């Protein structure tokens, strides 16, 4: 159940960033011209290959990129470009410093990876163990959704409320 929620949040974050990068660079294949690190360029090459080559649609290439690629775009190395001129708008409902957003995205990615590998995540006090001796609360997940849109935040809260009340 949690994986579906995290997947929906991941896709929303990815699509928000992709839309902004497309607009900023004036082309859907922004990844061909964006000033990315060698590591990120390798991830793009892998995604293009996995999307069946250079003629693959940008949507297919973007879908092949792992969540780590997107969280990395909020890292310090991308502070001046593309974060400042472009990606800071990916979370239009909040004005937080990039490091705070990056940390939250990393926490969500760690939790997502634990869920994907069927590792234990439940703790007491309505929080989820994400690994690295850290937890993330259900409210922090919903808050990240709020950063994107009010609808996403409500969807996450409803999702967890309905999951908590479902018969076991």
C-alpha atoms as a PDB file:
ATOM      1  CA  UNK A   1       0.000   0.000   0.000  1.00  0.00           C
ATOM      2  CA  UNK A   2       2.765   2.452   0.912  1.00  0.00           C
ATOM      3  CA  UNK A   3       4.620   1.764  -2.327  1.00  0.00           C
ATOM      4  CA  UNK A   4       1.731   3.090  -4.414  1.00  0.00           C
ATOM      5  CA  UNK A   5       1.698   6.319  -2.442  1.00  0.00           C
ATOM      6  CA  UNK A   6       5.458   6.767  -2.745  1.00  0.00           C
ATOM      7  CA  UNK A   7       5.303   5.971  -6.452  1.00  0.00           C
ATOM      8  CA  UNK A   8       2.605   8.600  -6.974  1.00  0.00           C
ATOM      9  CA  UNK A   9       4.661  11.180  -5.089  1.00  0.00           C
ATOM     10  CA  UNK A  10       7.779  10.252  -7.087  1.00  0.00           C
ATOM     11  CA  UNK A  11       5.972  10.603 -10.425  1.00  0.00           C
ATOM     12  CA  UNK A  12       4.520  13.965  -9.391  1.00  0.00           C
ATOM     13  CA  UNK A  13       7.948  15.291  -8.373  1.00  0.00           C
ATOM     14  CA  UNK A  14       9.552  13.935 -11.556  1.00  0.00           C
ATOM     15  CA  UNK A  15       6.867  15.416 -13.798  1.00  0.00           C
ATOM     16  CA  UNK A  16       7.051  18.790 -12.075  1.00  0.00           C
ATOM     17  CA  UNK A  17      10.819  18.944 -12.564  1.00  0.00           C
ATOM     18  CA  UNK A  18      10.605  17.679 -16.149  1.00  0.00           C
ATOM     19  CA  UNK A  19       7.984  20.303 -17.062  1.00  0.00           C
ATOM     20  CA  UNK A  20      10.100  23.111 -15.614  1.00  0.00           C
ATOM     21  CA  UNK A  21      13.278  21.893 -17.315  1.00  0.00           C
ATOM     22  CA  UNK A  22      11.424  21.600 -20.628  1.00  0.00           C
ATOM     23  CA  UNK A  23      10.205  25.189 -20.313  1.00  0.00           C
ATOM     24  CA  UNK A  24      13.566  26.510 -19.085  1.00  0.00           C
ATOM     25  CA  UNK A  25      15.604  24.959 -21.895  1.00  0.00           C
ATOM     26  CA  UNK A  26      12.852  25.417 -24.473  1.00  0.00           C
ATOM     27  CA  UNK A  27      12.844  21.781 -25.535  1.00  0.00           C
ATOM     28  CA  UNK A  28      11.452  18.457 -24.270  1.00  0.00           C
ATOM     29  CA  UNK A  29      14.895  16.850 -24.641  1.00  0.00           C
ATOM     30  CA  UNK A  30      16.365  19.317 -22.128  1.00  0.00           C
ATOM     31  CA  UNK A  31      18.673  16.552 -20.908  1.00  0.00           C
ATOM     32  CA  UNK A  32      20.664  16.889 -24.147  1.00  0.00           C
ATOM     33  CA  UNK A  33      21.709  20.471 -23.293  1.00  0.00           C
ATOM     34  CA  UNK A  34      21.404  20.825 -19.506  1.00  0.00           C
ATOM     35  CA  UNK A  35      24.688  21.367 -17.618  1.00  0.00           C
ATOM     36  CA  UNK A  36      24.732  18.043 -15.776  1.00  0.00           C
ATOM     37  CA  UNK A  37      27.554  16.220 -14.006  1.00  0.00           C
ATOM     38  CA  UNK A  38      29.261  13.303 -15.731  1.00  0.00           C
ATOM     39  CA  UNK A  39      27.416  10.961 -13.376  1.00  0.00           C
ATOM     40  CA  UNK A  40      24.028  12.460 -14.301  1.00  0.00           C
ATOM     41  CA  UNK A  41      24.930  12.384 -17.991  1.00  0.00           C
ATOM     42  CA  UNK A  42      25.683   8.667 -17.607  1.00  0.00           C
ATOM     43  CA  UNK A  43      22.231   8.185 -16.076  1.00  0.00           C
ATOM     44  CA  UNK A  44      20.690  10.024 -19.027  1.00  0.00           C
ATOM     45  CA  UNK A  45      22.598   7.812 -21.495  1.00  0.00           C
ATOM     46  CA  UNK A  46      21.385   4.714 -19.650  1.00  0.00           C
ATOM     47  CA  UNK A  47      17.803   6.008 -19.715  1.00  0.00           C
ATOM     48  CA  UNK A  48      17.983   6.769 -23.450  1.00  0.00           C
ATOM     49  CA  UNK A  49      19.339   3.261 -24.076  1.00  0.00           C
ATOM     50  CA  UNK A  50      16.673   1.663 -21.896  1.00  0.00           C
ATOM     51  CA  UNK A  51      13.993   3.729 -23.624  1.00  0.00           C
ATOM     52  CA  UNK A  52      15.073   2.058 -26.899  1.00  0.00           C
ATOM     53  CA  UNK A  53      17.541   4.576 -28.263  1.00  0.00           C
ATOM     54  CA  UNK A  54      17.896   8.213 -29.255  1.00  0.00           C
ATOM     55  CA  UNK A  55      14.546   8.322 -31.058  1.00  0.00           C
ATOM     56  CA  UNK A  56      12.654   7.455 -27.870  1.00  0.00           C
ATOM     57  CA  UNK A  57      10.159  10.061 -26.758  1.00  0.00           C
ATOM     58  CA  UNK A  58      11.336  12.424 -24.022  1.00  0.00           C
ATOM     59  CA  UNK A  59       8.519  11.121 -21.809  1.00  0.00           C
ATOM     60  CA  UNK A  60       9.860   7.588 -22.112  1.00  0.00           C
ATOM     61  CA  UNK A  61      13.414   8.703 -21.345  1.00  0.00           C
ATOM     62  CA  UNK A  62      12.270  10.703 -18.317  1.00  0.00           C
ATOM     63  CA  UNK A  63      10.264   7.724 -17.044  1.00  0.00           C
ATOM     64  CA  UNK A  64      13.402   5.563 -17.228  1.00  0.00           C
ATOM     65  CA  UNK A  65      15.330   7.863 -14.878  1.00  0.00           C
ATOM     66  CA  UNK A  66      15.410   6.631 -11.292  1.00  0.00           C
ATOM     67  CA  UNK A  67      14.140   8.740  -8.404  1.00  0.00           C
ATOM     68  CA  UNK A  68      17.750   9.265  -7.290  1.00  0.00           C
ATOM     69  CA  UNK A  69      18.389  11.246 -10.479  1.00  0.00           C
ATOM     70  CA  UNK A  70      15.589  13.658  -9.609  1.00  0.00           C
ATOM     71  CA  UNK A  71      16.532  14.031  -5.946  1.00  0.00           C
ATOM     72  CA  UNK A  72      20.114  14.684  -7.053  1.00  0.00           C
ATOM     73  CA  UNK A  73      18.937  17.712  -9.057  1.00  0.00           C
ATOM     74  CA  UNK A  74      18.208  19.377  -5.697  1.00  0.00           C
ATOM     75  CA  UNK A  75      21.764  18.713  -4.443  1.00  0.00           C
ATOM     76  CA  UNK A  76      24.370  21.414  -3.780  1.00  0.00           C
ATOM     77  CA  UNK A  77      26.221  20.815  -7.075  1.00  0.00           C
ATOM     78  CA  UNK A  78      23.133  21.999  -8.984  1.00  0.00           C
ATOM     79  CA  UNK A  79      22.377  24.995  -6.764  1.00  0.00           C
ATOM     80  CA  UNK A  80      23.185  27.643  -9.379  1.00  0.00           C
ATOM     81  CA  UNK A  81      22.053  25.691 -12.369  1.00  0.00           C
ATOM     82  CA  UNK A  82      19.479  24.299 -12.848  1.00  0.00           C
ATOM     83  CA  UNK A  83      18.073  24.802  -9.296  1.00  0.00           C
ATOM     84  CA  UNK A  84      18.138  28.606  -8.984  1.00  0.00           C
ATOM     85  CA  UNK A  85      16.879  29.579 -12.442  1.00  0.00           C
ATOM     86  CA  UNK A  86      14.437  26.717 -12.828  1.00  0.00           C
ATOM     87  CA  UNK A  87      13.885  23.872 -10.385  1.00  0.00           C
ATOM     88  CA  UNK A  88      13.245  26.002  -7.311  1.00  0.00           C
ATOM     89  CA  UNK A  89       9.769  26.376  -8.853  1.00  0.00           C
ATOM     90  CA  UNK A  90       9.115  22.625  -8.761  1.00  0.00           C
ATOM     91  CA  UNK A  91       7.521  23.068  -5.336  1.00  0.00           C
ATOM     92  CA  UNK A  92       5.421  26.188  -5.927  1.00  0.00           C
ATOM     93  CA  UNK A  93       3.501  26.131  -2.660  1.00  0.00           C
ATOM     94  CA  UNK A  94       6.504  26.567  -0.377  1.00  0.00           C
ATOM     95  CA  UNK A  95       9.555  28.788  -0.148  1.00  0.00           C
ATOM     96  CA  UNK A  96      12.141  26.576   1.495  1.00  0.00           C
ATOM     97  CA  UNK A  97      15.887  26.504   1.064  1.00  0.00           C
ATOM     98  CA  UNK A  98      17.156  23.954  -1.442  1.00  0.00           C
ATOM     99  CA  UNK A  99      19.014  21.898   1.231  1.00  0.00           C
ATOM    100  CA  UNK A 100      15.769  21.347   3.154  1.00  0.00           C
ATOM    101  CA  UNK A 101      13.969  20.177   0.028  1.00  0.00           C
ATOM    102  CA  UNK A 102      16.926  17.994  -0.969  1.00  0.00           C
ATOM    103  CA  UNK A 103      17.024  16.324   2.458  1.00  0.00           C
ATOM    104  CA  UNK A 104      13.280  15.612   2.381  1.00  0.00           C
ATOM    105  CA  UNK A 105      13.532  14.142  -1.129  1.00  0.00           C
ATOM    106  CA  UNK A 106      16.457  11.978  -0.025  1.00  0.00           C
ATOM    107  CA  UNK A 107      14.463  10.773   2.995  1.00  0.00           C
ATOM    108  CA  UNK A 108      11.567   9.842   0.726  1.00  0.00           C
ATOM    109  CA  UNK A 109      13.919   8.069  -1.687  1.00  0.00           C
ATOM    110  CA  UNK A 110      15.471   6.049   1.145  1.00  0.00           C
ATOM    111  CA  UNK A 111      12.040   5.062   2.398  1.00  0.00           C
ATOM    112  CA  UNK A 112      10.918   4.158  -1.138  1.00  0.00           C
ATOM    113  CA  UNK A 113      13.969   1.935  -1.567  1.00  0.00           C
ATOM    114  CA  UNK A 114      13.302   0.147   1.730  1.00  0.00           C
ATOM    115  CA  UNK A 115       9.703  -0.500   0.671  1.00  0.00           C
ATOM    116  CA  UNK A 116      10.795  -1.692  -2.785  1.00  0.00           C
ATOM    117  CA  UNK A 117      13.186  -4.184  -1.168  1.00  0.00           C
ATOM    118  CA  UNK A 118      10.510  -5.409   1.263  1.00  0.00           C
ATOM    119  CA  UNK A 119      12.438  -4.188   4.314  1.00  0.00           C
ATOM    120  CA  UNK A 120      10.780  -3.329   7.609  1.00  0.00           C
ATOM    121  CA  UNK A 121       9.599   0.282   7.809  1.00  0.00           C
ATOM    122  CA  UNK A 122       6.982   0.556  10.548  1.00  0.00           C
ATOM    123  CA  UNK A 123       7.808   2.251  13.841  1.00  0.00           C
ATOM    124  CA  UNK A 124       5.723   3.578  16.678  1.00  0.00           C
ATOM    125  CA  UNK A 125       4.428   7.148  16.728  1.00  0.00           C
ATOM    126  CA  UNK A 126       3.108   7.123  13.137  1.00  0.00           C
ATOM    127  CA  UNK A 127       6.529   7.292  11.536  1.00  0.00           C
ATOM    128  CA  UNK A 128       8.297   5.145   8.994  1.00  0.00           C
ATOM    129  CA  UNK A 129      11.867   3.890   9.242  1.00  0.00           C
ATOM    130  CA  UNK A 130      13.708   4.976   6.124  1.00  0.00           C
ATOM    131  CA  UNK A 131      17.124   3.560   6.943  1.00  0.00           C
ATOM    132  CA  UNK A 132      20.305   5.417   7.874  1.00  0.00           C
ATOM    133  CA  UNK A 133      18.906   5.503  11.443  1.00  0.00           C
ATOM    134  CA  UNK A 134      16.295   8.036  10.336  1.00  0.00           C
ATOM    135  CA  UNK A 135      12.540   8.115  10.249  1.00  0.00           C
ATOM    136  CA  UNK A 136      10.049  10.186   8.312  1.00  0.00           C
ATOM    137  CA  UNK A 137       6.594  10.895   9.652  1.00  0.00           C
ATOM    138  CA  UNK A 138       3.430  10.424   7.682  1.00  0.00           C
ATOM    139  CA  UNK A 139       2.858  14.160   8.049  1.00  0.00           C
ATOM    140  CA  UNK A 140       6.278  14.912   6.506  1.00  0.00           C
ATOM    141  CA  UNK A 141       5.319  12.814   3.471  1.00  0.00           C
ATOM    142  CA  UNK A 142       2.035  14.696   3.196  1.00  0.00           C
ATOM    143  CA  UNK A 143       3.843  18.006   3.677  1.00  0.00           C
ATOM    144  CA  UNK A 144       6.068  17.230   0.694  1.00  0.00           C
ATOM    145  CA  UNK A 145       2.885  16.643  -1.285  1.00  0.00           C
ATOM    146  CA  UNK A 146       1.652  20.059  -0.100  1.00  0.00           C
ATOM    147  CA  UNK A 147       4.811  21.612  -1.544  1.00  0.00           C
ATOM    148  CA  UNK A 148       3.694  20.390  -4.969  1.00  0.00           C
ATOM    149  CA  UNK A 149      -0.034  21.078  -4.726  1.00  0.00           C
ATOM    150  CA  UNK A 150      -2.827  21.123  -2.177  1.00  0.00           C
ATOM    151  CA  UNK A 151      -4.453  18.175  -3.970  1.00  0.00           C
ATOM    152  CA  UNK A 152      -1.363  15.966  -3.596  1.00  0.00           C
ATOM    153  CA  UNK A 153      -1.109  16.741   0.128  1.00  0.00           C
ATOM    154  CA  UNK A 154      -4.807  15.900   0.622  1.00  0.00           C
ATOM    155  CA  UNK A 155      -4.419  12.705  -1.416  1.00  0.00           C
ATOM    156  CA  UNK A 156      -1.558  11.523   0.810  1.00  0.00           C
ATOM    157  CA  UNK A 157      -3.437  12.321   4.025  1.00  0.00           C
ATOM    158  CA  UNK A 158      -6.567  10.575   2.750  1.00  0.00           C
ATOM    159  CA  UNK A 159      -4.491   7.596   1.645  1.00  0.00           C
ATOM    160  CA  UNK A 160      -2.990   7.095   5.095  1.00  0.00           C
ATOM    161  CA  UNK A 161      -6.257   7.777   6.923  1.00  0.00           C
ATOM    162  CA  UNK A 162      -8.028   5.156   4.763  1.00  0.00           C
ATOM    163  CA  UNK A 163      -5.136   2.685   5.178  1.00  0.00           C
ATOM    164  CA  UNK A 164      -5.161   3.142   8.954  1.00  0.00           C
ATOM    165  CA  UNK A 165      -8.900   2.453   9.165  1.00  0.00           C
ATOM    166  CA  UNK A 166      -8.911  -0.565   6.825  1.00  0.00           C
ATOM    167  CA  UNK A 167      -9.594  -3.913   8.482  1.00  0.00           C
ATOM    168  CA  UNK A 168      -6.512  -6.062   8.866  1.00  0.00           C
END
